[in-house]
């Protein structure tokens, strides 16, 4: 039996890169995505994925997921950085 574990309805802001990775799954669980699978949460505004159902009595075992959100610099920021580096290079060249 599969259980839906994540449903999303709105994409993250455009200046973020968001991924979800399956780090580990309980021993004895067969089926479902392999460990190491990465889902790109930016690819679609609606996200759903399913994992095989796993029940435990102590709540200390289960799936381990890693959510990563990375800020992506805007093109204008990169342009300013490049201009600054070029300016510093010009100053260094003049000093020689």
C-alpha atoms as a PDB file:
ATOM      1  CA  UNK A   1       0.000   0.000   0.000  1.00  0.00           C
ATOM      2  CA  UNK A   2       1.269   3.472  -0.874  1.00  0.00           C
ATOM      3  CA  UNK A   3       0.733   6.550   1.251  1.00  0.00           C
ATOM      4  CA  UNK A   4       0.867  10.132   0.016  1.00  0.00           C
ATOM      5  CA  UNK A   5       3.363  11.989   2.171  1.00  0.00           C
ATOM      6  CA  UNK A   6       3.638  15.377   0.506  1.00  0.00           C
ATOM      7  CA  UNK A   7       1.222  17.553  -1.358  1.00  0.00           C
ATOM      8  CA  UNK A   8       2.073  21.071  -2.387  1.00  0.00           C
ATOM      9  CA  UNK A   9      -0.035  23.664  -4.102  1.00  0.00           C
ATOM     10  CA  UNK A  10       2.168  26.685  -4.724  1.00  0.00           C
ATOM     11  CA  UNK A  11       5.703  26.854  -6.061  1.00  0.00           C
ATOM     12  CA  UNK A  12       8.460  28.406  -3.961  1.00  0.00           C
ATOM     13  CA  UNK A  13       9.667  31.906  -4.894  1.00  0.00           C
ATOM     14  CA  UNK A  14      11.527  32.093  -8.213  1.00  0.00           C
ATOM     15  CA  UNK A  15      14.795  33.059  -6.515  1.00  0.00           C
ATOM     16  CA  UNK A  16      14.917  29.771  -4.572  1.00  0.00           C
ATOM     17  CA  UNK A  17      15.930  26.277  -5.652  1.00  0.00           C
ATOM     18  CA  UNK A  18      14.120  23.643  -3.575  1.00  0.00           C
ATOM     19  CA  UNK A  19      14.755  19.893  -3.637  1.00  0.00           C
ATOM     20  CA  UNK A  20      13.684  16.951  -1.502  1.00  0.00           C
ATOM     21  CA  UNK A  21      15.934  13.885  -1.211  1.00  0.00           C
ATOM     22  CA  UNK A  22      15.173  10.438   0.196  1.00  0.00           C
ATOM     23  CA  UNK A  23      18.126   9.809   2.526  1.00  0.00           C
ATOM     24  CA  UNK A  24      17.031   6.515   4.114  1.00  0.00           C
ATOM     25  CA  UNK A  25      14.080   4.184   4.340  1.00  0.00           C
ATOM     26  CA  UNK A  26      13.251   1.552   6.960  1.00  0.00           C
ATOM     27  CA  UNK A  27      14.809  -1.899   6.725  1.00  0.00           C
ATOM     28  CA  UNK A  28      12.452  -4.371   5.158  1.00  0.00           C
ATOM     29  CA  UNK A  29      10.539  -1.840   3.070  1.00  0.00           C
ATOM     30  CA  UNK A  30      10.428  -2.913  -0.547  1.00  0.00           C
ATOM     31  CA  UNK A  31       9.133  -0.923  -3.447  1.00  0.00           C
ATOM     32  CA  UNK A  32       8.938   2.792  -3.759  1.00  0.00           C
ATOM     33  CA  UNK A  33      11.762   5.035  -4.898  1.00  0.00           C
ATOM     34  CA  UNK A  34      15.360   4.047  -4.144  1.00  0.00           C
ATOM     35  CA  UNK A  35      17.396   5.831  -1.485  1.00  0.00           C
ATOM     36  CA  UNK A  36      19.091   8.852  -3.049  1.00  0.00           C
ATOM     37  CA  UNK A  37      16.104   9.839  -5.182  1.00  0.00           C
ATOM     38  CA  UNK A  38      15.855  13.633  -5.534  1.00  0.00           C
ATOM     39  CA  UNK A  39      12.637  15.469  -6.332  1.00  0.00           C
ATOM     40  CA  UNK A  40      12.886  18.954  -7.821  1.00  0.00           C
ATOM     41  CA  UNK A  41      10.092  20.905  -6.144  1.00  0.00           C
ATOM     42  CA  UNK A  42      10.544  23.770  -8.616  1.00  0.00           C
ATOM     43  CA  UNK A  43       9.592  21.631 -11.615  1.00  0.00           C
ATOM     44  CA  UNK A  44       5.847  21.810 -11.076  1.00  0.00           C
ATOM     45  CA  UNK A  45       3.485  23.958  -9.016  1.00  0.00           C
ATOM     46  CA  UNK A  46       1.714  20.850  -7.669  1.00  0.00           C
ATOM     47  CA  UNK A  47       3.832  18.165  -6.045  1.00  0.00           C
ATOM     48  CA  UNK A  48       2.679  14.734  -4.897  1.00  0.00           C
ATOM     49  CA  UNK A  49       4.672  11.628  -4.277  1.00  0.00           C
ATOM     50  CA  UNK A  50       4.011   8.355  -2.540  1.00  0.00           C
ATOM     51  CA  UNK A  51       6.066   6.002  -0.374  1.00  0.00           C
ATOM     52  CA  UNK A  52       5.155   2.485   0.777  1.00  0.00           C
ATOM     53  CA  UNK A  53       3.279   2.510   4.088  1.00  0.00           C
ATOM     54  CA  UNK A  54       5.452   1.737   7.105  1.00  0.00           C
ATOM     55  CA  UNK A  55       3.984   1.369  10.579  1.00  0.00           C
ATOM     56  CA  UNK A  56       5.943   1.375  13.833  1.00  0.00           C
ATOM     57  CA  UNK A  57       4.916   1.164  17.472  1.00  0.00           C
ATOM     58  CA  UNK A  58       7.653   3.372  18.909  1.00  0.00           C
ATOM     59  CA  UNK A  59       7.730   6.130  16.276  1.00  0.00           C
ATOM     60  CA  UNK A  60      11.529   6.050  16.177  1.00  0.00           C
ATOM     61  CA  UNK A  61      11.914   4.440  12.781  1.00  0.00           C
ATOM     62  CA  UNK A  62      10.822   5.554   9.378  1.00  0.00           C
ATOM     63  CA  UNK A  63      11.818   7.462   6.306  1.00  0.00           C
ATOM     64  CA  UNK A  64      14.499  10.140   6.426  1.00  0.00           C
ATOM     65  CA  UNK A  65      13.989  13.014   3.992  1.00  0.00           C
ATOM     66  CA  UNK A  66      16.209  16.043   3.403  1.00  0.00           C
ATOM     67  CA  UNK A  67      14.691  19.329   2.235  1.00  0.00           C
ATOM     68  CA  UNK A  68      17.156  21.791   0.714  1.00  0.00           C
ATOM     69  CA  UNK A  69      16.324  25.388  -0.190  1.00  0.00           C
ATOM     70  CA  UNK A  70      19.068  27.374  -1.910  1.00  0.00           C
ATOM     71  CA  UNK A  71      18.911  31.047  -2.764  1.00  0.00           C
ATOM     72  CA  UNK A  72      19.684  31.597  -6.457  1.00  0.00           C
ATOM     73  CA  UNK A  73      21.327  34.964  -7.196  1.00  0.00           C
ATOM     74  CA  UNK A  74      19.548  37.251  -9.610  1.00  0.00           C
ATOM     75  CA  UNK A  75      21.296  37.940 -12.953  1.00  0.00           C
ATOM     76  CA  UNK A  76      21.668  41.617 -11.973  1.00  0.00           C
ATOM     77  CA  UNK A  77      23.556  40.610  -8.817  1.00  0.00           C
ATOM     78  CA  UNK A  78      25.932  38.496 -10.873  1.00  0.00           C
ATOM     79  CA  UNK A  79      26.487  41.409 -13.263  1.00  0.00           C
ATOM     80  CA  UNK A  80      27.410  43.715 -10.365  1.00  0.00           C
ATOM     81  CA  UNK A  81      29.789  41.082  -8.998  1.00  0.00           C
ATOM     82  CA  UNK A  82      31.453  40.646 -12.410  1.00  0.00           C
ATOM     83  CA  UNK A  83      31.813  44.421 -12.837  1.00  0.00           C
ATOM     84  CA  UNK A  84      33.412  44.702  -9.390  1.00  0.00           C
ATOM     85  CA  UNK A  85      35.882  41.923 -10.117  1.00  0.00           C
ATOM     86  CA  UNK A  86      36.758  43.493 -13.481  1.00  0.00           C
ATOM     87  CA  UNK A  87      37.316  46.841 -11.758  1.00  0.00           C
ATOM     88  CA  UNK A  88      39.603  45.275  -9.179  1.00  0.00           C
ATOM     89  CA  UNK A  89      41.524  43.539 -11.955  1.00  0.00           C
ATOM     90  CA  UNK A  90      41.987  46.888 -13.724  1.00  0.00           C
ATOM     91  CA  UNK A  91      43.307  48.540 -10.559  1.00  0.00           C
ATOM     92  CA  UNK A  92      45.756  45.684  -9.970  1.00  0.00           C
ATOM     93  CA  UNK A  93      46.978  45.929 -13.555  1.00  0.00           C
ATOM     94  CA  UNK A  94      47.614  49.688 -13.294  1.00  0.00           C
ATOM     95  CA  UNK A  95      49.677  49.266 -10.139  1.00  0.00           C
ATOM     96  CA  UNK A  96      52.158  47.029 -11.956  1.00  0.00           C
END
